[in-house]
Amino acid sequence: MGAACCNQEKGNLDSHGGKSPRQIHTQTMSAYRDSYEEEDAATCFACDCDPPRFIFFEIELDKSRGSTLGVNVDRKDGKVLYVDAITKGLISEWNSLNPHKQVVRGDAIVEVNGARGNADFLIEACKQCRLLRCKIRRRAAPSQGVLACCSHEEEEIYEVQLDKATGKGLGIGVDHRNVTSLQIDSIESGLVEDWNSMNPQRKVMVGDEIFEVNGVGGHVGDIMEECKKPIMLRCKLKRRTTSVIWSFAEELV
C-alpha cells in the first residue's frame, strides 16, 4: 500500500512514493549504476567478507531563495559531512521532487561547488546563498552487508508523548510495509516537529521506527489506528545505529 501519512490534516505527504530509505538506496543504486565507484576502505582481515564500496550522485539546492538546507550533519570525519537527520528545508524539498535520488540518513556530502577534502570547507560552501551543487556518497552494502561479519547494528529505544487532543496532526510521512512498525520517511509541521523543538536531546529523526503506541504494537495496522485517535499518544520508537553514523551532529544552515 506504500507510504502513509499520520497527519490527517496533511494527506499529501506521500512525497517519497511509499519507499523506505533501504528501498530508496536500492533504487538509487540501480538508477545511478554509471556513478558506482569504489574507494579505498577498511578491509576485513578476520574473514573473507567484502570491503565496503560506494556510489556517488549529485543534487542541486538553491539557497538564493533564502531557504535553509534543513539537515543535521556530523563533521567528525574531518573530510566529509555525514547526514545525521533531515528536517524541513531544501533537502526535504529535493527528496519530494526526486523520489529516486533522495538524500537519506547516513549519506555523506563530499563536495559542494568544487570544495572538497575538508569538512570546514564544505561547511563554508554550504553557507553561501547561491545554487549549491553537492556530490553525495552512499555506502553500498556488499552481499553480507557492510562488514557484517565483524560489525553489528544496535537499536536505541526511546519514548515520546504527542497530544493529539489539541487537534493538531503528527506531521510525519511513514512507510508501513515493515508490518510491525512505522518507519518515518519525513517530518513536517505538526506535533512531532513541536516535540523536536522542545526536546532537542531526544529528537525524532527520519528513519526512526514507531513500534508501539499506548501499549498497542505487533502489527502496523493496529499502530496506525491508534495514531488516528484524538488522545495523548505515548509512542515507543527505535533507532538503528551503525558505525556509519557519528554521535555528534550540528545543524547545517
C-alpha atoms as a PDB file:
ATOM      1  CA  MET A   1       0.000   0.000   0.000  1.00  0.00           C
ATOM      2  CA  GLY A   2       3.069   2.256   0.168  1.00  0.00           C
ATOM      3  CA  ALA A   3       3.675   5.213   2.389  1.00  0.00           C
ATOM      4  CA  ALA A   4       1.015   6.738   4.560  1.00  0.00           C
ATOM      5  CA  CYS A   5       0.726   9.984   6.460  1.00  0.00           C
ATOM      6  CA  CYS A   6      -0.106  10.087  10.149  1.00  0.00           C
ATOM      7  CA  ASN A   7      -1.147  13.733   9.851  1.00  0.00           C
ATOM      8  CA  GLN A   8      -4.795  13.653   8.832  1.00  0.00           C
ATOM      9  CA  GLU A   9      -4.749  17.384   8.090  1.00  0.00           C
ATOM     10  CA  LYS A  10      -1.904  16.888   5.550  1.00  0.00           C
ATOM     11  CA  GLY A  11      -2.832  13.997   3.354  1.00  0.00           C
ATOM     12  CA  ASN A  12      -0.314  14.873   0.646  1.00  0.00           C
ATOM     13  CA  LEU A  13       2.871  13.927   2.498  1.00  0.00           C
ATOM     14  CA  ASP A  14       3.262  10.768   0.425  1.00  0.00           C
ATOM     15  CA  SER A  15       6.144  12.535  -1.300  1.00  0.00           C
ATOM     16  CA  HIS A  16       8.525   9.600  -1.012  1.00  0.00           C
ATOM     17  CA  GLY A  17       6.414   7.297  -3.145  1.00  0.00           C
ATOM     18  CA  GLY A  18       5.984   4.841  -0.281  1.00  0.00           C
ATOM     19  CA  LYS A  19       9.662   3.902  -0.254  1.00  0.00           C
ATOM     20  CA  SER A  20      11.756   3.301   2.811  1.00  0.00           C
ATOM     21  CA  PRO A  21      15.366   4.561   2.953  1.00  0.00           C
ATOM     22  CA  ARG A  22      16.552   1.000   2.249  1.00  0.00           C
ATOM     23  CA  GLN A  23      14.324   0.764  -0.843  1.00  0.00           C
ATOM     24  CA  ILE A  24      15.423   4.220  -1.982  1.00  0.00           C
ATOM     25  CA  HIS A  25      19.020   3.068  -1.539  1.00  0.00           C
ATOM     26  CA  THR A  26      18.429   0.052  -3.766  1.00  0.00           C
ATOM     27  CA  GLN A  27      16.613   2.041  -6.424  1.00  0.00           C
ATOM     28  CA  THR A  28      19.255   4.769  -6.403  1.00  0.00           C
ATOM     29  CA  MET A  29      21.972   2.171  -6.967  1.00  0.00           C
ATOM     30  CA  SER A  30      20.035   0.832  -9.942  1.00  0.00           C
ATOM     31  CA  ALA A  31      19.274   4.264 -11.409  1.00  0.00           C
ATOM     32  CA  TYR A  32      22.807   5.572 -10.969  1.00  0.00           C
ATOM     33  CA  ARG A  33      24.869   2.483 -11.691  1.00  0.00           C
ATOM     34  CA  ASP A  34      27.055   4.564 -14.011  1.00  0.00           C
ATOM     35  CA  SER A  35      28.131   6.506 -10.919  1.00  0.00           C
ATOM     36  CA  TYR A  36      29.006   3.346  -8.998  1.00  0.00           C
ATOM     37  CA  GLU A  37      32.584   3.659  -7.808  1.00  0.00           C
ATOM     38  CA  GLU A  38      34.931   2.001  -5.374  1.00  0.00           C
ATOM     39  CA  GLU A  39      37.070   3.864  -2.867  1.00  0.00           C
ATOM     40  CA  ASP A  40      39.821   2.860  -0.528  1.00  0.00           C
ATOM     41  CA  ALA A  41      38.139   1.382   2.522  1.00  0.00           C
ATOM     42  CA  ALA A  42      38.937  -0.700   5.558  1.00  0.00           C
ATOM     43  CA  THR A  43      39.410  -4.344   4.698  1.00  0.00           C
ATOM     44  CA  CYS A  44      38.300  -7.109   6.999  1.00  0.00           C
ATOM     45  CA  PHE A  45      41.324  -9.190   7.966  1.00  0.00           C
ATOM     46  CA  ALA A  46      39.290 -11.573  10.132  1.00  0.00           C
ATOM     47  CA  CYS A  47      37.474 -13.287   7.267  1.00  0.00           C
ATOM     48  CA  ASP A  48      36.720 -13.082   3.549  1.00  0.00           C
ATOM     49  CA  CYS A  49      33.839 -10.602   3.619  1.00  0.00           C
ATOM     50  CA  ASP A  50      33.779  -7.819   1.022  1.00  0.00           C
ATOM     51  CA  PRO A  51      35.090  -4.352   1.931  1.00  0.00           C
ATOM     52  CA  PRO A  52      32.544  -1.546   1.625  1.00  0.00           C
ATOM     53  CA  ARG A  53      32.011   0.203  -1.701  1.00  0.00           C
ATOM     54  CA  PHE A  54      30.306   3.500  -2.515  1.00  0.00           C
ATOM     55  CA  ILE A  55      28.025   5.096  -5.068  1.00  0.00           C
ATOM     56  CA  PHE A  56      28.017   8.801  -5.878  1.00  0.00           C
ATOM     57  CA  PHE A  57      25.271  11.086  -7.152  1.00  0.00           C
ATOM     58  CA  GLU A  58      24.738  14.837  -7.393  1.00  0.00           C
ATOM     59  CA  ILE A  59      21.970  17.130  -6.204  1.00  0.00           C
ATOM     60  CA  GLU A  60      21.276  20.853  -6.642  1.00  0.00           C
ATOM     61  CA  LEU A  61      19.943  23.064  -3.839  1.00  0.00           C
ATOM     62  CA  ASP A  62      19.043  26.714  -4.491  1.00  0.00           C
ATOM     63  CA  LYS A  63      19.911  28.743  -1.391  1.00  0.00           C
ATOM     64  CA  SER A  64      19.498  32.020  -3.271  1.00  0.00           C
ATOM     65  CA  ARG A  65      15.835  31.936  -2.227  1.00  0.00           C
ATOM     66  CA  GLY A  66      16.844  32.331   1.412  1.00  0.00           C
ATOM     67  CA  SER A  67      15.804  28.841   2.487  1.00  0.00           C
ATOM     68  CA  THR A  68      17.915  26.674   4.794  1.00  0.00           C
ATOM     69  CA  LEU A  69      19.181  23.212   3.898  1.00  0.00           C
ATOM     70  CA  GLY A  70      17.299  21.548   6.768  1.00  0.00           C
ATOM     71  CA  VAL A  71      19.882  18.935   7.655  1.00  0.00           C
ATOM     72  CA  ASN A  72      21.948  17.993  10.699  1.00  0.00           C
ATOM     73  CA  VAL A  73      25.449  16.836   9.856  1.00  0.00           C
ATOM     74  CA  ASP A  74      28.449  15.371  11.613  1.00  0.00           C
ATOM     75  CA  ARG A  75      31.923  16.506  10.548  1.00  0.00           C
ATOM     76  CA  LYS A  76      33.914  14.377  12.963  1.00  0.00           C
ATOM     77  CA  ASP A  77      35.429  12.594   9.979  1.00  0.00           C
ATOM     78  CA  GLY A  78      37.175  15.862   9.103  1.00  0.00           C
ATOM     79  CA  LYS A  79      36.830  15.317   5.365  1.00  0.00           C
ATOM     80  CA  VAL A  80      33.103  14.890   4.675  1.00  0.00           C
ATOM     81  CA  LEU A  81      29.743  15.794   6.237  1.00  0.00           C
ATOM     82  CA  TYR A  82      27.662  12.817   7.345  1.00  0.00           C
ATOM     83  CA  VAL A  83      23.889  13.348   7.197  1.00  0.00           C
ATOM     84  CA  ASP A  84      22.515  12.620  10.663  1.00  0.00           C
ATOM     85  CA  ALA A  85      18.961  13.991  10.350  1.00  0.00           C
ATOM     86  CA  ILE A  86      16.797  15.681   7.710  1.00  0.00           C
ATOM     87  CA  THR A  87      14.328  18.354   8.790  1.00  0.00           C
ATOM     88  CA  LYS A  88      12.203  20.886   6.931  1.00  0.00           C
ATOM     89  CA  GLY A  89      14.220  22.668   4.263  1.00  0.00           C
ATOM     90  CA  LEU A  90      15.797  22.409   0.823  1.00  0.00           C
ATOM     91  CA  ILE A  91      16.939  18.803   1.146  1.00  0.00           C
ATOM     92  CA  SER A  92      13.449  17.709   2.201  1.00  0.00           C
ATOM     93  CA  GLU A  93      12.062  19.566  -0.831  1.00  0.00           C
ATOM     94  CA  TRP A  94      14.656  17.913  -3.072  1.00  0.00           C
ATOM     95  CA  ASN A  95      13.645  14.493  -1.760  1.00  0.00           C
ATOM     96  CA  SER A  96       9.992  15.225  -2.508  1.00  0.00           C
ATOM     97  CA  LEU A  97      10.774  16.233  -6.091  1.00  0.00           C
ATOM     98  CA  ASN A  98      13.349  13.494  -6.701  1.00  0.00           C
ATOM     99  CA  PRO A  99      11.990  10.254  -5.191  1.00  0.00           C
ATOM    100  CA  HIS A 100      14.612   8.123  -6.982  1.00  0.00           C
ATOM    101  CA  LYS A 101      17.534  10.306  -5.975  1.00  0.00           C
ATOM    102  CA  GLN A 102      16.820  11.080  -2.345  1.00  0.00           C
ATOM    103  CA  VAL A 103      19.329  12.016   0.330  1.00  0.00           C
ATOM    104  CA  VAL A 104      18.954   9.769   3.392  1.00  0.00           C
ATOM    105  CA  ARG A 105      20.491   9.485   6.834  1.00  0.00           C
ATOM    106  CA  GLY A 106      23.991   8.057   6.640  1.00  0.00           C
ATOM    107  CA  ASP A 107      24.830   9.638   3.268  1.00  0.00           C
ATOM    108  CA  ALA A 108      27.955  11.792   3.138  1.00  0.00           C
ATOM    109  CA  ILE A 109      28.274  15.209   1.483  1.00  0.00           C
ATOM    110  CA  VAL A 110      31.724  15.004  -0.106  1.00  0.00           C
ATOM    111  CA  GLU A 111      31.756  18.055  -2.380  1.00  0.00           C
ATOM    112  CA  VAL A 112      29.917  21.388  -2.642  1.00  0.00           C
ATOM    113  CA  ASN A 113      30.574  23.669  -5.630  1.00  0.00           C
ATOM    114  CA  GLY A 114      34.047  22.218  -6.055  1.00  0.00           C
ATOM    115  CA  ALA A 115      35.011  22.409  -2.369  1.00  0.00           C
ATOM    116  CA  ARG A 116      36.071  19.013  -1.044  1.00  0.00           C
ATOM    117  CA  GLY A 117      38.525  17.175   1.190  1.00  0.00           C
ATOM    118  CA  ASN A 118      37.905  19.288   4.306  1.00  0.00           C
ATOM    119  CA  ALA A 119      34.733  19.403   6.400  1.00  0.00           C
ATOM    120  CA  ASP A 120      35.254  23.074   7.300  1.00  0.00           C
ATOM    121  CA  PHE A 121      35.488  23.998   3.613  1.00  0.00           C
ATOM    122  CA  LEU A 122      32.253  22.127   2.968  1.00  0.00           C
ATOM    123  CA  ILE A 123      30.517  23.929   5.840  1.00  0.00           C
ATOM    124  CA  GLU A 124      31.580  27.320   4.468  1.00  0.00           C
ATOM    125  CA  ALA A 125      30.460  26.397   0.964  1.00  0.00           C
ATOM    126  CA  CYS A 126      27.047  25.338   2.285  1.00  0.00           C
ATOM    127  CA  LYS A 127      26.569  28.719   3.971  1.00  0.00           C
ATOM    128  CA  GLN A 128      26.674  30.616   0.688  1.00  0.00           C
ATOM    129  CA  CYS A 129      23.328  31.936  -0.536  1.00  0.00           C
ATOM    130  CA  ARG A 130      23.631  30.591  -4.054  1.00  0.00           C
ATOM    131  CA  LEU A 131      22.928  27.449  -6.054  1.00  0.00           C
ATOM    132  CA  LEU A 132      24.742  24.569  -4.340  1.00  0.00           C
ATOM    133  CA  ARG A 133      25.867  21.639  -6.465  1.00  0.00           C
ATOM    134  CA  CYS A 134      26.510  18.855  -3.991  1.00  0.00           C
ATOM    135  CA  LYS A 135      28.120  15.477  -4.547  1.00  0.00           C
ATOM    136  CA  ILE A 136      26.693  12.775  -2.275  1.00  0.00           C
ATOM    137  CA  ARG A 137      28.378   9.497  -1.345  1.00  0.00           C
ATOM    138  CA  ARG A 138      26.393   6.469  -0.210  1.00  0.00           C
ATOM    139  CA  ARG A 139      27.826   3.303   1.238  1.00  0.00           C
ATOM    140  CA  ALA A 140      26.737   0.309  -0.842  1.00  0.00           C
ATOM    141  CA  ALA A 141      26.202  -2.830   1.190  1.00  0.00           C
ATOM    142  CA  PRO A 142      28.107  -5.930  -0.001  1.00  0.00           C
ATOM    143  CA  SER A 143      26.309  -9.261  -0.185  1.00  0.00           C
ATOM    144  CA  GLN A 144      26.868  -9.849   3.523  1.00  0.00           C
ATOM    145  CA  GLY A 145      26.246  -6.252   4.496  1.00  0.00           C
ATOM    146  CA  VAL A 146      28.834  -3.629   5.404  1.00  0.00           C
ATOM    147  CA  LEU A 147      31.486  -5.799   7.049  1.00  0.00           C
ATOM    148  CA  ALA A 148      28.511  -7.627   8.522  1.00  0.00           C
ATOM    149  CA  CYS A 149      30.557 -10.436   9.988  1.00  0.00           C
ATOM    150  CA  CYS A 150      32.645  -8.065  12.095  1.00  0.00           C
ATOM    151  CA  SER A 151      30.164  -5.326  12.940  1.00  0.00           C
ATOM    152  CA  HIS A 152      26.718  -5.254  14.474  1.00  0.00           C
ATOM    153  CA  GLU A 153      23.742  -2.967  14.284  1.00  0.00           C
ATOM    154  CA  GLU A 154      22.441  -1.642  17.578  1.00  0.00           C
ATOM    155  CA  GLU A 155      18.994  -0.328  18.437  1.00  0.00           C
ATOM    156  CA  GLU A 156      18.247   2.686  20.594  1.00  0.00           C
ATOM    157  CA  ILE A 157      14.778   2.637  22.179  1.00  0.00           C
ATOM    158  CA  TYR A 158      13.131   5.867  23.347  1.00  0.00           C
ATOM    159  CA  GLU A 159       9.677   7.293  24.081  1.00  0.00           C
ATOM    160  CA  VAL A 160       7.816  10.461  23.102  1.00  0.00           C
ATOM    161  CA  GLN A 161       4.437  11.885  24.099  1.00  0.00           C
ATOM    162  CA  LEU A 162       2.286  13.601  21.476  1.00  0.00           C
ATOM    163  CA  ASP A 163      -1.039  15.180  22.452  1.00  0.00           C
ATOM    164  CA  LYS A 164      -3.480  14.811  19.563  1.00  0.00           C
ATOM    165  CA  ALA A 165      -6.262  16.111  21.797  1.00  0.00           C
ATOM    166  CA  THR A 166      -5.037  19.561  20.735  1.00  0.00           C
ATOM    167  CA  GLY A 167      -6.430  18.871  17.256  1.00  0.00           C
ATOM    168  CA  LYS A 168      -3.002  19.077  15.655  1.00  0.00           C
ATOM    169  CA  GLY A 169      -1.703  16.354  13.345  1.00  0.00           C
ATOM    170  CA  LEU A 170       1.517  14.399  13.802  1.00  0.00           C
ATOM    171  CA  GLY A 171       3.073  15.905  10.689  1.00  0.00           C
ATOM    172  CA  ILE A 172       5.039  12.868   9.558  1.00  0.00           C
ATOM    173  CA  GLY A 173       5.141  10.676   6.473  1.00  0.00           C
ATOM    174  CA  VAL A 174       5.582   6.979   7.220  1.00  0.00           C
ATOM    175  CA  ASP A 175       6.224   3.705   5.423  1.00  0.00           C
ATOM    176  CA  HIS A 176       4.166   0.851   6.868  1.00  0.00           C
ATOM    177  CA  ARG A 177       5.419  -2.064   4.768  1.00  0.00           C
ATOM    178  CA  ASN A 178       7.622  -3.289   7.614  1.00  0.00           C
ATOM    179  CA  VAL A 179       4.439  -4.929   9.018  1.00  0.00           C
ATOM    180  CA  THR A 180       5.447  -4.458  12.660  1.00  0.00           C
ATOM    181  CA  SER A 181       6.420  -0.773  12.755  1.00  0.00           C
ATOM    182  CA  LEU A 182       6.000   2.604  11.050  1.00  0.00           C
ATOM    183  CA  GLN A 183       9.251   3.912   9.592  1.00  0.00           C
ATOM    184  CA  ILE A 184       9.392   7.711   9.481  1.00  0.00           C
ATOM    185  CA  ASP A 185      10.116   8.981   5.966  1.00  0.00           C
ATOM    186  CA  SER A 186       9.615  12.730   6.501  1.00  0.00           C
ATOM    187  CA  ILE A 187       8.941  15.271   9.250  1.00  0.00           C
ATOM    188  CA  GLU A 188       6.994  18.451   8.571  1.00  0.00           C
ATOM    189  CA  SER A 189       4.848  20.877  10.563  1.00  0.00           C
ATOM    190  CA  GLY A 190       2.988  19.076  13.359  1.00  0.00           C
ATOM    191  CA  LEU A 191       3.274  17.502  16.787  1.00  0.00           C
ATOM    192  CA  VAL A 192       6.497  15.611  16.045  1.00  0.00           C
ATOM    193  CA  GLU A 193       8.229  18.794  14.903  1.00  0.00           C
ATOM    194  CA  ASP A 194       6.931  20.539  18.047  1.00  0.00           C
ATOM    195  CA  TRP A 195       8.326  17.718  20.185  1.00  0.00           C
ATOM    196  CA  ASN A 196      11.714  18.045  18.490  1.00  0.00           C
ATOM    197  CA  SER A 197      11.792  21.786  19.182  1.00  0.00           C
ATOM    198  CA  MET A 198      11.053  21.253  22.879  1.00  0.00           C
ATOM    199  CA  ASN A 199      13.268  18.176  23.264  1.00  0.00           C
ATOM    200  CA  PRO A 200      16.483  18.816  21.289  1.00  0.00           C
ATOM    201  CA  GLN A 201      18.281  15.950  23.045  1.00  0.00           C
ATOM    202  CA  ARG A 202      15.514  13.455  22.244  1.00  0.00           C
ATOM    203  CA  LYS A 203      14.610  14.348  18.678  1.00  0.00           C
ATOM    204  CA  VAL A 204      12.621  12.051  16.427  1.00  0.00           C
ATOM    205  CA  MET A 205      14.554  11.537  13.177  1.00  0.00           C
ATOM    206  CA  VAL A 206      13.840  10.323   9.672  1.00  0.00           C
ATOM    207  CA  GLY A 207      14.498   6.579   9.624  1.00  0.00           C
ATOM    208  CA  ASP A 208      13.281   6.003  13.191  1.00  0.00           C
ATOM    209  CA  GLU A 209      10.518   3.408  13.634  1.00  0.00           C
ATOM    210  CA  ILE A 210       7.361   3.682  15.735  1.00  0.00           C
ATOM    211  CA  PHE A 211       6.710   0.181  17.065  1.00  0.00           C
ATOM    212  CA  GLU A 212       4.244   0.834  19.889  1.00  0.00           C
ATOM    213  CA  VAL A 213       1.611   3.487  20.681  1.00  0.00           C
ATOM    214  CA  ASN A 214      -0.265   3.486  24.001  1.00  0.00           C
ATOM    215  CA  GLY A 215       0.688  -0.147  24.509  1.00  0.00           C
ATOM    216  CA  VAL A 216      -0.575  -1.135  21.059  1.00  0.00           C
ATOM    217  CA  GLY A 217       2.051  -2.905  18.951  1.00  0.00           C
ATOM    218  CA  GLY A 218       2.852  -6.004  16.981  1.00  0.00           C
ATOM    219  CA  HIS A 219       1.065  -5.034  13.766  1.00  0.00           C
ATOM    220  CA  VAL A 220       1.382  -1.859  11.748  1.00  0.00           C
ATOM    221  CA  GLY A 221      -2.368  -1.631  11.118  1.00  0.00           C
ATOM    222  CA  ASP A 222      -3.142  -1.515  14.834  1.00  0.00           C
ATOM    223  CA  ILE A 223      -0.429   1.087  15.394  1.00  0.00           C
ATOM    224  CA  MET A 224      -1.834   3.310  12.636  1.00  0.00           C
ATOM    225  CA  GLU A 225      -5.355   3.091  14.047  1.00  0.00           C
ATOM    226  CA  GLU A 226      -4.082   4.139  17.483  1.00  0.00           C
ATOM    227  CA  CYS A 227      -2.233   7.080  15.907  1.00  0.00           C
ATOM    228  CA  LYS A 228      -5.519   8.379  14.462  1.00  0.00           C
ATOM    229  CA  LYS A 229      -7.186   8.766  17.867  1.00  0.00           C
ATOM    230  CA  PRO A 230      -7.516  12.356  19.220  1.00  0.00           C
ATOM    231  CA  ILE A 231      -5.844  11.480  22.529  1.00  0.00           C
ATOM    232  CA  MET A 232      -2.438  11.600  24.172  1.00  0.00           C
ATOM    233  CA  LEU A 233      -0.158   9.244  22.263  1.00  0.00           C
ATOM    234  CA  ARG A 234       2.670   7.615  24.202  1.00  0.00           C
ATOM    235  CA  CYS A 235       4.896   6.326  21.442  1.00  0.00           C
ATOM    236  CA  LYS A 236       7.841   3.962  21.637  1.00  0.00           C
ATOM    237  CA  LEU A 237      10.394   4.309  18.853  1.00  0.00           C
ATOM    238  CA  LYS A 238      13.598   2.576  17.887  1.00  0.00           C
ATOM    239  CA  ARG A 239      16.602   3.912  16.056  1.00  0.00           C
ATOM    240  CA  ARG A 240      19.070   1.672  14.302  1.00  0.00           C
ATOM    241  CA  THR A 241      22.627   2.861  14.833  1.00  0.00           C
ATOM    242  CA  THR A 242      25.695   1.724  12.925  1.00  0.00           C
ATOM    243  CA  SER A 243      29.294   2.812  12.744  1.00  0.00           C
ATOM    244  CA  VAL A 244      28.410   4.926   9.711  1.00  0.00           C
ATOM    245  CA  ILE A 245      26.570   7.433  11.908  1.00  0.00           C
ATOM    246  CA  TRP A 246      28.694   9.517  14.265  1.00  0.00           C
ATOM    247  CA  SER A 247      27.457  10.606  17.673  1.00  0.00           C
ATOM    248  CA  PHE A 248      27.682  14.396  17.493  1.00  0.00           C
ATOM    249  CA  ALA A 249      25.727  16.350  14.903  1.00  0.00           C
ATOM    250  CA  GLU A 250      25.156  20.011  14.140  1.00  0.00           C
ATOM    251  CA  GLU A 251      22.518  21.798  12.121  1.00  0.00           C
ATOM    252  CA  LEU A 252      23.703  22.891   8.708  1.00  0.00           C
ATOM    253  CA  VAL A 253      22.050  26.130   7.586  1.00  0.00           C
END
